[in-house]
Amino acid sequence: MAEYEGPVRVILRMDIAPGREAEFEAVWLEIGGLIGAQPANRGQMLVRSAEEGEGQVYHVFTDWADEPSFRAFELSAEHVEHRRRLRPLRIGGGMTVTRIVHDLRRPAPAAG
């Protein structure tokens, strides 16, 4: 598929080695802050499966301004180092790059 010029959401599944969940979350949080500083990154979220028997399954949702920016970051030396740090904690997973077609998020409630 040709690179898409609009916003994309990258969805990662990360299967974490049993007993290493807390370590994974700490490393992901540190790396997530670095990724969030990328100009084209629009935010990220780490979620943990609530399904029976999937306590070591996490999903990362990360939004990017466009696919070329994401692909450039994905291949950067900085991100290769991020993946190297996470590799010993992972026992499986996968990645899907998606095009954002509609975004129906609710605005945050007003404070007060």
PDB file of N, CA and C in Angstrom:
ATOM      1  N   MET A   1       0.850  -1.173   0.000  1.00  0.00           N
ATOM      2  CA  MET A   1       0.000   0.000   0.000  1.00  0.00           C
ATOM      3  C   MET A   1       0.898   1.239   0.000  1.00  0.00           C
ATOM      4  N   ALA A   2       0.566   2.217  -0.802  1.00  0.00           N
ATOM      5  CA  ALA A   2       1.315   3.470  -0.864  1.00  0.00           C
ATOM      6  C   ALA A   2       1.140   4.239   0.443  1.00  0.00           C
ATOM      7  N   GLU A   3       2.140   5.046   0.756  1.00  0.00           N
ATOM      8  CA  GLU A   3       2.039   5.850   1.967  1.00  0.00           C
ATOM      9  C   GLU A   3       0.878   6.823   1.853  1.00  0.00           C
ATOM     10  N   TYR A   4       0.183   6.965   2.947  1.00  0.00           N
ATOM     11  CA  TYR A   4      -1.001   7.808   3.060  1.00  0.00           C
ATOM     12  C   TYR A   4      -0.568   9.135   3.667  1.00  0.00           C
ATOM     13  N   GLU A   5      -1.074  10.242   3.160  1.00  0.00           N
ATOM     14  CA  GLU A   5      -0.629  11.561   3.606  1.00  0.00           C
ATOM     15  C   GLU A   5      -1.422  12.118   4.787  1.00  0.00           C
ATOM     16  N   GLY A   6      -2.534  11.488   5.173  1.00  0.00           N
ATOM     17  CA  GLY A   6      -3.331  11.977   6.290  1.00  0.00           C
ATOM     18  C   GLY A   6      -2.882  11.371   7.606  1.00  0.00           C
ATOM     19  N   PRO A   7      -3.595  11.665   8.700  1.00  0.00           N
ATOM     20  CA  PRO A   7      -3.218  11.138  10.010  1.00  0.00           C
ATOM     21  C   PRO A   7      -3.346   9.619  10.065  1.00  0.00           C
ATOM     22  N   VAL A   8      -2.450   8.999  10.827  1.00  0.00           N
ATOM     23  CA  VAL A   8      -2.481   7.548  10.998  1.00  0.00           C
ATOM     24  C   VAL A   8      -2.436   7.207  12.483  1.00  0.00           C
ATOM     25  N   ARG A   9      -3.015   6.063  12.807  1.00  0.00           N
ATOM     26  CA  ARG A   9      -2.908   5.490  14.150  1.00  0.00           C
ATOM     27  C   ARG A   9      -2.178   4.164  14.000  1.00  0.00           C
ATOM     28  N   VAL A  10      -1.104   4.025  14.744  1.00  0.00           N
ATOM     29  CA  VAL A  10      -0.343   2.789  14.752  1.00  0.00           C
ATOM     30  C   VAL A  10      -0.807   1.994  15.965  1.00  0.00           C
ATOM     31  N   ILE A  11      -1.152   0.730  15.734  1.00  0.00           N
ATOM     32  CA  ILE A  11      -1.632  -0.147  16.801  1.00  0.00           C
ATOM     33  C   ILE A  11      -0.620  -1.272  16.961  1.00  0.00           C
ATOM     34  N   LEU A  12      -0.047  -1.346  18.151  1.00  0.00           N
ATOM     35  CA  LEU A  12       0.938  -2.379  18.455  1.00  0.00           C
ATOM     36  C   LEU A  12       0.352  -3.340  19.472  1.00  0.00           C
ATOM     37  N   ARG A  13       0.577  -4.616  19.267  1.00  0.00           N
ATOM     38  CA  ARG A  13       0.268  -5.623  20.284  1.00  0.00           C
ATOM     39  C   ARG A  13       1.607  -6.070  20.835  1.00  0.00           C
ATOM     40  N   MET A  14       1.718  -6.063  22.155  1.00  0.00           N
ATOM     41  CA  MET A  14       2.948  -6.498  22.799  1.00  0.00           C
ATOM     42  C   MET A  14       2.611  -7.572  23.817  1.00  0.00           C
ATOM     43  N   ASP A  15       3.127  -8.765  23.594  1.00  0.00           N
ATOM     44  CA  ASP A  15       2.981  -9.875  24.527  1.00  0.00           C
ATOM     45  C   ASP A  15       4.232  -9.867  25.402  1.00  0.00           C
ATOM     46  N   ILE A  16       4.028  -9.681  26.698  1.00  0.00           N
ATOM     47  CA  ILE A  16       5.132  -9.467  27.626  1.00  0.00           C
ATOM     48  C   ILE A  16       5.427 -10.746  28.407  1.00  0.00           C
ATOM     49  N   ALA A  17       6.699 -10.979  28.657  1.00  0.00           N
ATOM     50  CA  ALA A  17       7.116 -12.155  29.416  1.00  0.00           C
ATOM     51  C   ALA A  17       6.458 -12.125  30.797  1.00  0.00           C
ATOM     52  N   PRO A  18       5.903 -13.262  31.243  1.00  0.00           N
ATOM     53  CA  PRO A  18       5.261 -13.306  32.560  1.00  0.00           C
ATOM     54  C   PRO A  18       6.210 -12.822  33.660  1.00  0.00           C
ATOM     55  N   GLY A  19       5.659 -12.004  34.554  1.00  0.00           N
ATOM     56  CA  GLY A  19       6.426 -11.477  35.671  1.00  0.00           C
ATOM     57  C   GLY A  19       7.209 -10.216  35.358  1.00  0.00           C
ATOM     58  N   ARG A  20       7.172  -9.764  34.102  1.00  0.00           N
ATOM     59  CA  ARG A  20       7.948  -8.581  33.713  1.00  0.00           C
ATOM     60  C   ARG A  20       7.050  -7.406  33.334  1.00  0.00           C
ATOM     61  N   GLU A  21       5.777  -7.511  33.700  1.00  0.00           N
ATOM     62  CA  GLU A  21       4.816  -6.473  33.322  1.00  0.00           C
ATOM     63  C   GLU A  21       5.172  -5.105  33.905  1.00  0.00           C
ATOM     64  N   ALA A  22       5.498  -5.042  35.187  1.00  0.00           N
ATOM     65  CA  ALA A  22       5.816  -3.752  35.816  1.00  0.00           C
ATOM     66  C   ALA A  22       7.063  -3.134  35.179  1.00  0.00           C
ATOM     67  N   GLU A  23       8.053  -3.955  34.903  1.00  0.00           N
ATOM     68  CA  GLU A  23       9.271  -3.464  34.249  1.00  0.00           C
ATOM     69  C   GLU A  23       8.949  -2.931  32.854  1.00  0.00           C
ATOM     70  N   PHE A  24       8.120  -3.675  32.116  1.00  0.00           N
ATOM     71  CA  PHE A  24       7.714  -3.230  30.785  1.00  0.00           C
ATOM     72  C   PHE A  24       7.007  -1.879  30.865  1.00  0.00           C
ATOM     73  N   GLU A  25       6.050  -1.749  31.784  1.00  0.00           N
ATOM     74  CA  GLU A  25       5.302  -0.497  31.896  1.00  0.00           C
ATOM     75  C   GLU A  25       6.231   0.676  32.206  1.00  0.00           C
ATOM     76  N   ALA A  26       7.213   0.465  33.072  1.00  0.00           N
ATOM     77  CA  ALA A  26       8.149   1.540  33.419  1.00  0.00           C
ATOM     78  C   ALA A  26       9.000   1.940  32.213  1.00  0.00           C
ATOM     79  N   VAL A  27       9.513   0.951  31.487  1.00  0.00           N
ATOM     80  CA  VAL A  27      10.334   1.250  30.308  1.00  0.00           C
ATOM     81  C   VAL A  27       9.470   1.909  29.237  1.00  0.00           C
ATOM     82  N   TRP A  28       8.250   1.389  29.028  1.00  0.00           N
ATOM     83  CA  TRP A  28       7.374   1.983  28.011  1.00  0.00           C
ATOM     84  C   TRP A  28       7.068   3.444  28.348  1.00  0.00           C
ATOM     85  N   LEU A  29       6.812   3.731  29.615  1.00  0.00           N
ATOM     86  CA  LEU A  29       6.489   5.100  30.013  1.00  0.00           C
ATOM     87  C   LEU A  29       7.654   6.049  29.711  1.00  0.00           C
ATOM     88  N   GLU A  30       8.855   5.610  29.989  1.00  0.00           N
ATOM     89  CA  GLU A  30      10.036   6.430  29.689  1.00  0.00           C
ATOM     90  C   GLU A  30      10.178   6.643  28.178  1.00  0.00           C
ATOM     91  N   ILE A  31      10.091   5.565  27.419  1.00  0.00           N
ATOM     92  CA  ILE A  31      10.208   5.657  25.959  1.00  0.00           C
ATOM     93  C   ILE A  31       9.042   6.465  25.390  1.00  0.00           C
ATOM     94  N   GLY A  32       7.853   6.265  25.932  1.00  0.00           N
ATOM     95  CA  GLY A  32       6.682   6.995  25.451  1.00  0.00           C
ATOM     96  C   GLY A  32       6.851   8.497  25.558  1.00  0.00           C
ATOM     97  N   GLY A  33       7.495   8.955  26.625  1.00  0.00           N
ATOM     98  CA  GLY A  33       7.754  10.381  26.763  1.00  0.00           C
ATOM     99  C   GLY A  33       8.673  10.901  25.674  1.00  0.00           C
ATOM    100  N   LEU A  34       9.648  10.093  25.301  1.00  0.00           N
ATOM    101  CA  LEU A  34      10.574  10.484  24.229  1.00  0.00           C
ATOM    102  C   LEU A  34       9.865  10.505  22.877  1.00  0.00           C
ATOM    103  N   ILE A  35       9.029   9.505  22.635  1.00  0.00           N
ATOM    104  CA  ILE A  35       8.290   9.456  21.366  1.00  0.00           C
ATOM    105  C   ILE A  35       7.312  10.626  21.301  1.00  0.00           C
ATOM    106  N   GLY A  36       6.673  10.936  22.418  1.00  0.00           N
ATOM    107  CA  GLY A  36       5.727  12.041  22.459  1.00  0.00           C
ATOM    108  C   GLY A  36       6.354  13.390  22.146  1.00  0.00           C
ATOM    109  N   ALA A  37       7.663  13.493  22.289  1.00  0.00           N
ATOM    110  CA  ALA A  37       8.362  14.741  21.974  1.00  0.00           C
ATOM    111  C   ALA A  37       8.620  14.901  20.475  1.00  0.00           C
ATOM    112  N   GLN A  38       8.350  13.861  19.695  1.00  0.00           N
ATOM    113  CA  GLN A  38       8.533  13.953  18.242  1.00  0.00           C
ATOM    114  C   GLN A  38       7.497  14.917  17.672  1.00  0.00           C
ATOM    115  N   PRO A  39       7.894  15.849  16.811  1.00  0.00           N
ATOM    116  CA  PRO A  39       6.949  16.849  16.295  1.00  0.00           C
ATOM    117  C   PRO A  39       5.715  16.259  15.608  1.00  0.00           C
ATOM    118  N   ALA A  40       5.849  15.132  14.938  1.00  0.00           N
ATOM    119  CA  ALA A  40       4.715  14.558  14.205  1.00  0.00           C
ATOM    120  C   ALA A  40       3.868  13.617  15.056  1.00  0.00           C
ATOM    121  N   ASN A  41       4.307  13.315  16.285  1.00  0.00           N
ATOM    122  CA  ASN A  41       3.526  12.425  17.139  1.00  0.00           C
ATOM    123  C   ASN A  41       2.381  13.201  17.757  1.00  0.00           C
ATOM    124  N   ARG A  42       1.192  12.634  17.726  1.00  0.00           N
ATOM    125  CA  ARG A  42      -0.015  13.302  18.220  1.00  0.00           C
ATOM    126  C   ARG A  42      -0.536  12.698  19.519  1.00  0.00           C
ATOM    127  N   GLY A  43       0.231  11.783  20.116  1.00  0.00           N
ATOM    128  CA  GLY A  43      -0.173  11.191  21.384  1.00  0.00           C
ATOM    129  C   GLY A  43      -0.148   9.680  21.324  1.00  0.00           C
ATOM    130  N   GLN A  44      -0.148   9.078  22.501  1.00  0.00           N
ATOM    131  CA  GLN A  44      -0.098   7.627  22.601  1.00  0.00           C
ATOM    132  C   GLN A  44      -0.836   7.163  23.840  1.00  0.00           C
ATOM    133  N   MET A  45      -1.162   5.903  23.825  1.00  0.00           N
ATOM    134  CA  MET A  45      -1.875   5.307  24.944  1.00  0.00           C
ATOM    135  C   MET A  45      -1.420   3.855  25.080  1.00  0.00           C
ATOM    136  N   LEU A  46      -1.164   3.429  26.305  1.00  0.00           N
ATOM    137  CA  LEU A  46      -0.845   2.034  26.600  1.00  0.00           C
ATOM    138  C   LEU A  46      -2.035   1.443  27.329  1.00  0.00           C
ATOM    139  N   VAL A  47      -2.547   0.324  26.835  1.00  0.00           N
ATOM    140  CA  VAL A  47      -3.651  -0.366  27.496  1.00  0.00           C
ATOM    141  C   VAL A  47      -3.255  -1.821  27.722  1.00  0.00           C
ATOM    142  N   ARG A  48      -3.836  -2.410  28.758  1.00  0.00           N
ATOM    143  CA  ARG A  48      -3.562  -3.809  29.101  1.00  0.00           C
ATOM    144  C   ARG A  48      -4.850  -4.594  28.934  1.00  0.00           C
ATOM    145  N   SER A  49      -4.746  -5.762  28.354  1.00  0.00           N
ATOM    146  CA  SER A  49      -5.931  -6.577  28.113  1.00  0.00           C
ATOM    147  C   SER A  49      -6.625  -6.933  29.426  1.00  0.00           C
ATOM    148  N   ALA A  50      -7.949  -6.862  29.400  1.00  0.00           N
ATOM    149  CA  ALA A  50      -8.767  -7.265  30.545  1.00  0.00           C
ATOM    150  C   ALA A  50      -9.373  -8.646  30.317  1.00  0.00           C
ATOM    151  N   GLU A  51      -8.999  -9.284  29.215  1.00  0.00           N
ATOM    152  CA  GLU A  51      -9.534 -10.604  28.888  1.00  0.00           C
ATOM    153  C   GLU A  51      -8.869 -11.686  29.737  1.00  0.00           C
ATOM    154  N   GLU A  52      -9.644 -12.681  30.111  1.00  0.00           N
ATOM    155  CA  GLU A  52      -9.154 -13.817  30.885  1.00  0.00           C
ATOM    156  C   GLU A  52      -7.967 -14.463  30.168  1.00  0.00           C
ATOM    157  N   GLY A  53      -6.873 -14.658  30.892  1.00  0.00           N
ATOM    158  CA  GLY A  53      -5.703 -15.321  30.331  1.00  0.00           C
ATOM    159  C   GLY A  53      -4.809 -14.439  29.477  1.00  0.00           C
ATOM    160  N   GLU A  54      -5.106 -13.143  29.405  1.00  0.00           N
ATOM    161  CA  GLU A  54      -4.292 -12.236  28.586  1.00  0.00           C
ATOM    162  C   GLU A  54      -3.657 -11.137  29.429  1.00  0.00           C
ATOM    163  N   GLY A  55      -3.315 -11.442  30.662  1.00  0.00           N
ATOM    164  CA  GLY A  55      -2.754 -10.432  31.556  1.00  0.00           C
ATOM    165  C   GLY A  55      -1.426  -9.861  31.121  1.00  0.00           C
ATOM    166  N   GLN A  56      -0.735 -10.574  30.232  1.00  0.00           N
ATOM    167  CA  GLN A  56       0.549 -10.078  29.745  1.00  0.00           C
ATOM    168  C   GLN A  56       0.429  -9.438  28.362  1.00  0.00           C
ATOM    169  N   VAL A  57      -0.797  -9.206  27.884  1.00  0.00           N
ATOM    170  CA  VAL A  57      -1.006  -8.615  26.557  1.00  0.00           C
ATOM    171  C   VAL A  57      -1.304  -7.124  26.711  1.00  0.00           C
ATOM    172  N   TYR A  58      -0.513  -6.321  26.025  1.00  0.00           N
ATOM    173  CA  TYR A  58      -0.685  -4.869  26.001  1.00  0.00           C
ATOM    174  C   TYR A  58      -0.904  -4.424  24.563  1.00  0.00           C
ATOM    175  N   HIS A  59      -1.565  -3.285  24.425  1.00  0.00           N
ATOM    176  CA  HIS A  59      -1.721  -2.643  23.120  1.00  0.00           C
ATOM    177  C   HIS A  59      -1.276  -1.195  23.275  1.00  0.00           C
ATOM    178  N   VAL A  60      -0.561  -0.718  22.277  1.00  0.00           N
ATOM    179  CA  VAL A  60      -0.155   0.683  22.216  1.00  0.00           C
ATOM    180  C   VAL A  60      -0.890   1.302  21.040  1.00  0.00           C
ATOM    181  N   PHE A  61      -1.527   2.428  21.281  1.00  0.00           N
ATOM    182  CA  PHE A  61      -2.165   3.218  20.225  1.00  0.00           C
ATOM    183  C   PHE A  61      -1.373   4.516  20.147  1.00  0.00           C
ATOM    184  N   THR A  62      -0.810   4.811  19.000  1.00  0.00           N
ATOM    185  CA  THR A  62      -0.034   6.031  18.843  1.00  0.00           C
ATOM    186  C   THR A  62      -0.429   6.719  17.546  1.00  0.00           C
ATOM    187  N   ASP A  63      -0.756   7.984  17.651  1.00  0.00           N
ATOM    188  CA  ASP A  63      -1.239   8.753  16.499  1.00  0.00           C
ATOM    189  C   ASP A  63      -0.115   9.617  15.942  1.00  0.00           C
ATOM    190  N   TRP A  64      -0.077   9.686  14.604  1.00  0.00           N
ATOM    191  CA  TRP A  64       0.949  10.444  13.894  1.00  0.00           C
ATOM    192  C   TRP A  64       0.285  11.357  12.877  1.00  0.00           C
ATOM    193  N   ALA A  65       0.928  12.473  12.609  1.00  0.00           N
ATOM    194  CA  ALA A  65       0.392  13.447  11.654  1.00  0.00           C
ATOM    195  C   ALA A  65       0.217  12.836  10.271  1.00  0.00           C
ATOM    196  N   ASP A  66       1.130  11.944   9.900  1.00  0.00           N
ATOM    197  CA  ASP A  66       1.056  11.300   8.587  1.00  0.00           C
ATOM    198  C   ASP A  66       1.964  10.071   8.588  1.00  0.00           C
ATOM    199  N   GLU A  67       1.746   9.198   7.618  1.00  0.00           N
ATOM    200  CA  GLU A  67       2.518   7.963   7.554  1.00  0.00           C
ATOM    201  C   GLU A  67       3.997   8.198   7.241  1.00  0.00           C
ATOM    202  N   PRO A  68       4.353   9.101   6.319  1.00  0.00           N
ATOM    203  CA  PRO A  68       5.785   9.308   6.073  1.00  0.00           C
ATOM    204  C   PRO A  68       6.556   9.719   7.336  1.00  0.00           C
ATOM    205  N   SER A  69       5.959  10.550   8.169  1.00  0.00           N
ATOM    206  CA  SER A  69       6.627  10.957   9.416  1.00  0.00           C
ATOM    207  C   SER A  69       6.796   9.766  10.349  1.00  0.00           C
ATOM    208  N   PHE A  70       5.750   8.937  10.462  1.00  0.00           N
ATOM    209  CA  PHE A  70       5.864   7.748  11.302  1.00  0.00           C
ATOM    210  C   PHE A  70       6.942   6.818  10.775  1.00  0.00           C
ATOM    211  N   ARG A  71       6.935   6.551   9.472  1.00  0.00           N
ATOM    212  CA  ARG A  71       7.913   5.620   8.886  1.00  0.00           C
ATOM    213  C   ARG A  71       9.342   6.127   9.078  1.00  0.00           C
ATOM    214  N   ALA A  72       9.550   7.426   8.938  1.00  0.00           N
ATOM    215  CA  ALA A  72      10.886   7.986   9.156  1.00  0.00           C
ATOM    216  C   ALA A  72      11.320   7.765  10.602  1.00  0.00           C
ATOM    217  N   PHE A  73      10.405   7.992  11.554  1.00  0.00           N
ATOM    218  CA  PHE A  73      10.736   7.769  12.958  1.00  0.00           C
ATOM    219  C   PHE A  73      10.974   6.289  13.226  1.00  0.00           C
ATOM    220  N   GLU A  74      10.135   5.430  12.666  1.00  0.00           N
ATOM    221  CA  GLU A  74      10.245   3.983  12.891  1.00  0.00           C
ATOM    222  C   GLU A  74      11.636   3.464  12.523  1.00  0.00           C
ATOM    223  N   LEU A  75      12.237   4.024  11.487  1.00  0.00           N
ATOM    224  CA  LEU A  75      13.542   3.569  11.012  1.00  0.00           C
ATOM    225  C   LEU A  75      14.714   4.339  11.622  1.00  0.00           C
ATOM    226  N   SER A  76      14.428   5.323  12.459  1.00  0.00           N
ATOM    227  CA  SER A  76      15.489   6.155  13.033  1.00  0.00           C
ATOM    228  C   SER A  76      16.327   5.368  14.045  1.00  0.00           C
ATOM    229  N   ALA A  77      17.575   5.785  14.200  1.00  0.00           N
ATOM    230  CA  ALA A  77      18.463   5.155  15.182  1.00  0.00           C
ATOM    231  C   ALA A  77      17.878   5.257  16.588  1.00  0.00           C
ATOM    232  N   GLU A  78      17.221   6.374  16.877  1.00  0.00           N
ATOM    233  CA  GLU A  78      16.602   6.562  18.193  1.00  0.00           C
ATOM    234  C   GLU A  78      15.567   5.474  18.470  1.00  0.00           C
ATOM    235  N   HIS A  79      14.712   5.201  17.491  1.00  0.00           N
ATOM    236  CA  HIS A  79      13.666   4.209  17.726  1.00  0.00           C
ATOM    237  C   HIS A  79      14.204   2.778  17.689  1.00  0.00           C
ATOM    238  N   VAL A  80      15.236   2.541  16.913  1.00  0.00           N
ATOM    239  CA  VAL A  80      15.889   1.226  16.950  1.00  0.00           C
ATOM    240  C   VAL A  80      16.372   0.954  18.375  1.00  0.00           C
ATOM    241  N   GLU A  81      16.900   1.976  19.033  1.00  0.00           N
ATOM    242  CA  GLU A  81      17.342   1.830  20.420  1.00  0.00           C
ATOM    243  C   GLU A  81      16.156   1.575  21.353  1.00  0.00           C
ATOM    244  N   HIS A  82      15.035   2.244  21.132  1.00  0.00           N
ATOM    245  CA  HIS A  82      13.837   1.983  21.946  1.00  0.00           C
ATOM    246  C   HIS A  82      13.444   0.509  21.837  1.00  0.00           C
ATOM    247  N   ARG A  83      13.389   0.010  20.614  1.00  0.00           N
ATOM    248  CA  ARG A  83      12.996  -1.390  20.404  1.00  0.00           C
ATOM    249  C   ARG A  83      13.995  -2.351  21.043  1.00  0.00           C
ATOM    250  N   ARG A  84      15.267  -2.002  20.995  1.00  0.00           N
ATOM    251  CA  ARG A  84      16.290  -2.842  21.625  1.00  0.00           C
ATOM    252  C   ARG A  84      16.032  -2.952  23.127  1.00  0.00           C
ATOM    253  N   ARG A  85      15.643  -1.859  23.759  1.00  0.00           N
ATOM    254  CA  ARG A  85      15.370  -1.876  25.200  1.00  0.00           C
ATOM    255  C   ARG A  85      14.139  -2.706  25.546  1.00  0.00           C
ATOM    256  N   LEU A  86      13.147  -2.715  24.671  1.00  0.00           N
ATOM    257  CA  LEU A  86      11.912  -3.457  24.934  1.00  0.00           C
ATOM    258  C   LEU A  86      12.021  -4.939  24.575  1.00  0.00           C
ATOM    259  N   ARG A  87      12.902  -5.271  23.655  1.00  0.00           N
ATOM    260  CA  ARG A  87      12.980  -6.643  23.127  1.00  0.00           C
ATOM    261  C   ARG A  87      13.073  -7.722  24.212  1.00  0.00           C
ATOM    262  N   PRO A  88      13.926  -7.573  25.254  1.00  0.00           N
ATOM    263  CA  PRO A  88      14.028  -8.645  26.250  1.00  0.00           C
ATOM    264  C   PRO A  88      12.744  -8.867  27.055  1.00  0.00           C
ATOM    265  N   LEU A  89      11.853  -7.885  27.043  1.00  0.00           N
ATOM    266  CA  LEU A  89      10.615  -7.976  27.818  1.00  0.00           C
ATOM    267  C   LEU A  89       9.480  -8.602  27.018  1.00  0.00           C
ATOM    268  N   ARG A  90       9.625  -8.648  25.709  1.00  0.00           N
ATOM    269  CA  ARG A  90       8.552  -9.099  24.817  1.00  0.00           C
ATOM    270  C   ARG A  90       8.750 -10.552  24.405  1.00  0.00           C
ATOM    271  N   ILE A  91       7.631 -11.260  24.291  1.00  0.00           N
ATOM    272  CA  ILE A  91       7.681 -12.628  23.775  1.00  0.00           C
ATOM    273  C   ILE A  91       6.870 -12.765  22.494  1.00  0.00           C
ATOM    274  N   GLY A  92       6.268 -11.689  22.044  1.00  0.00           N
ATOM    275  CA  GLY A  92       5.495 -11.715  20.803  1.00  0.00           C
ATOM    276  C   GLY A  92       4.807 -10.390  20.586  1.00  0.00           C
ATOM    277  N   GLY A  93       4.078 -10.321  19.476  1.00  0.00           N
ATOM    278  CA  GLY A  93       3.329  -9.108  19.187  1.00  0.00           C
ATOM    279  C   GLY A  93       3.258  -8.823  17.709  1.00  0.00           C
ATOM    280  N   GLY A  94       2.784  -7.640  17.380  1.00  0.00           N
ATOM    281  CA  GLY A  94       2.653  -7.246  15.992  1.00  0.00           C
ATOM    282  C   GLY A  94       2.307  -5.773  15.896  1.00  0.00           C
ATOM    283  N   MET A  95       2.279  -5.268  14.653  1.00  0.00           N
ATOM    284  CA  MET A  95       2.003  -3.856  14.419  1.00  0.00           C
ATOM    285  C   MET A  95       1.105  -3.707  13.204  1.00  0.00           C
ATOM    286  N   THR A  96       0.157  -2.775  13.304  1.00  0.00           N
ATOM    287  CA  THR A  96      -0.710  -2.413  12.188  1.00  0.00           C
ATOM    288  C   THR A  96      -0.740  -0.898  12.087  1.00  0.00           C
ATOM    289  N   VAL A  97      -0.553  -0.380  10.877  1.00  0.00           N
ATOM    290  CA  VAL A  97      -0.687   1.054  10.633  1.00  0.00           C
ATOM    291  C   VAL A  97      -2.057   1.267  10.012  1.00  0.00           C
ATOM    292  N   THR A  98      -2.849   2.156  10.613  1.00  0.00           N
ATOM    293  CA  THR A  98      -4.217   2.381  10.147  1.00  0.00           C
ATOM    294  C   THR A  98      -4.416   3.839   9.757  1.00  0.00           C
ATOM    295  N   ARG A  99      -5.354   4.054   8.869  1.00  0.00           N
ATOM    296  CA  ARG A  99      -5.744   5.408   8.475  1.00  0.00           C
ATOM    297  C   ARG A  99      -6.922   5.840   9.330  1.00  0.00           C
ATOM    298  N   ILE A 100      -6.850   7.018   9.882  1.00  0.00           N
ATOM    299  CA  ILE A 100      -7.965   7.529  10.673  1.00  0.00           C
ATOM    300  C   ILE A 100      -9.018   8.045   9.700  1.00  0.00           C
ATOM    301  N   VAL A 101     -10.166   7.395   9.710  1.00  0.00           N
ATOM    302  CA  VAL A 101     -11.258   7.745   8.802  1.00  0.00           C
ATOM    303  C   VAL A 101     -12.206   8.728   9.478  1.00  0.00           C
ATOM    304  N   HIS A 102     -12.610   8.431  10.712  1.00  0.00           N
ATOM    305  CA  HIS A 102     -13.477   9.307  11.501  1.00  0.00           C
ATOM    306  C   HIS A 102     -12.968   9.286  12.934  1.00  0.00           C
ATOM    307  N   ASP A 103     -13.058  10.392  13.624  1.00  0.00           N
ATOM    308  CA  ASP A 103     -12.638  10.500  15.019  1.00  0.00           C
ATOM    309  C   ASP A 103     -13.780  11.156  15.788  1.00  0.00           C
ATOM    310  N   LEU A 104     -14.481  10.380  16.584  1.00  0.00           N
ATOM    311  CA  LEU A 104     -15.659  10.871  17.304  1.00  0.00           C
ATOM    312  C   LEU A 104     -15.400  11.034  18.801  1.00  0.00           C
ATOM    313  N   ARG A 105     -14.154  11.315  19.167  1.00  0.00           N
ATOM    314  CA  ARG A 105     -13.860  11.515  20.591  1.00  0.00           C
ATOM    315  C   ARG A 105     -14.647  12.690  21.139  1.00  0.00           C
ATOM    316  N   ARG A 106     -15.055  12.549  22.385  1.00  0.00           N
ATOM    317  CA  ARG A 106     -15.758  13.630  23.075  1.00  0.00           C
ATOM    318  C   ARG A 106     -14.747  14.643  23.574  1.00  0.00           C
ATOM    319  N   PRO A 107     -15.113  15.912  23.561  1.00  0.00           N
ATOM    320  CA  PRO A 107     -14.210  16.902  24.164  1.00  0.00           C
ATOM    321  C   PRO A 107     -14.149  16.684  25.671  1.00  0.00           C
ATOM    322  N   ALA A 108     -13.053  17.067  26.274  1.00  0.00           N
ATOM    323  CA  ALA A 108     -12.904  16.935  27.723  1.00  0.00           C
ATOM    324  C   ALA A 108     -13.918  17.839  28.415  1.00  0.00           C
ATOM    325  N   PRO A 109     -14.508  17.377  29.534  1.00  0.00           N
ATOM    326  CA  PRO A 109     -15.461  18.230  30.258  1.00  0.00           C
ATOM    327  C   PRO A 109     -14.757  19.470  30.800  1.00  0.00           C
ATOM    328  N   ALA A 110     -15.497  20.549  30.894  1.00  0.00           N
ATOM    329  CA  ALA A 110     -14.953  21.804  31.424  1.00  0.00           C
ATOM    330  C   ALA A 110     -14.612  21.629  32.898  1.00  0.00           C
ATOM    331  N   ALA A 111     -13.509  22.198  33.309  1.00  0.00           N
ATOM    332  CA  ALA A 111     -13.096  22.125  34.714  1.00  0.00           C
ATOM    333  C   ALA A 111     -14.021  22.985  35.564  1.00  0.00           C
ATOM    334  N   GLY A 112     -14.231  22.521  36.784  1.00  0.00           N
ATOM    335  CA  GLY A 112     -14.953  23.372  37.708  1.00  0.00           C
ATOM    336  C   GLY A 112     -16.254  22.881  38.035  1.00  0.00           C
TER     337      GLY A 112
END
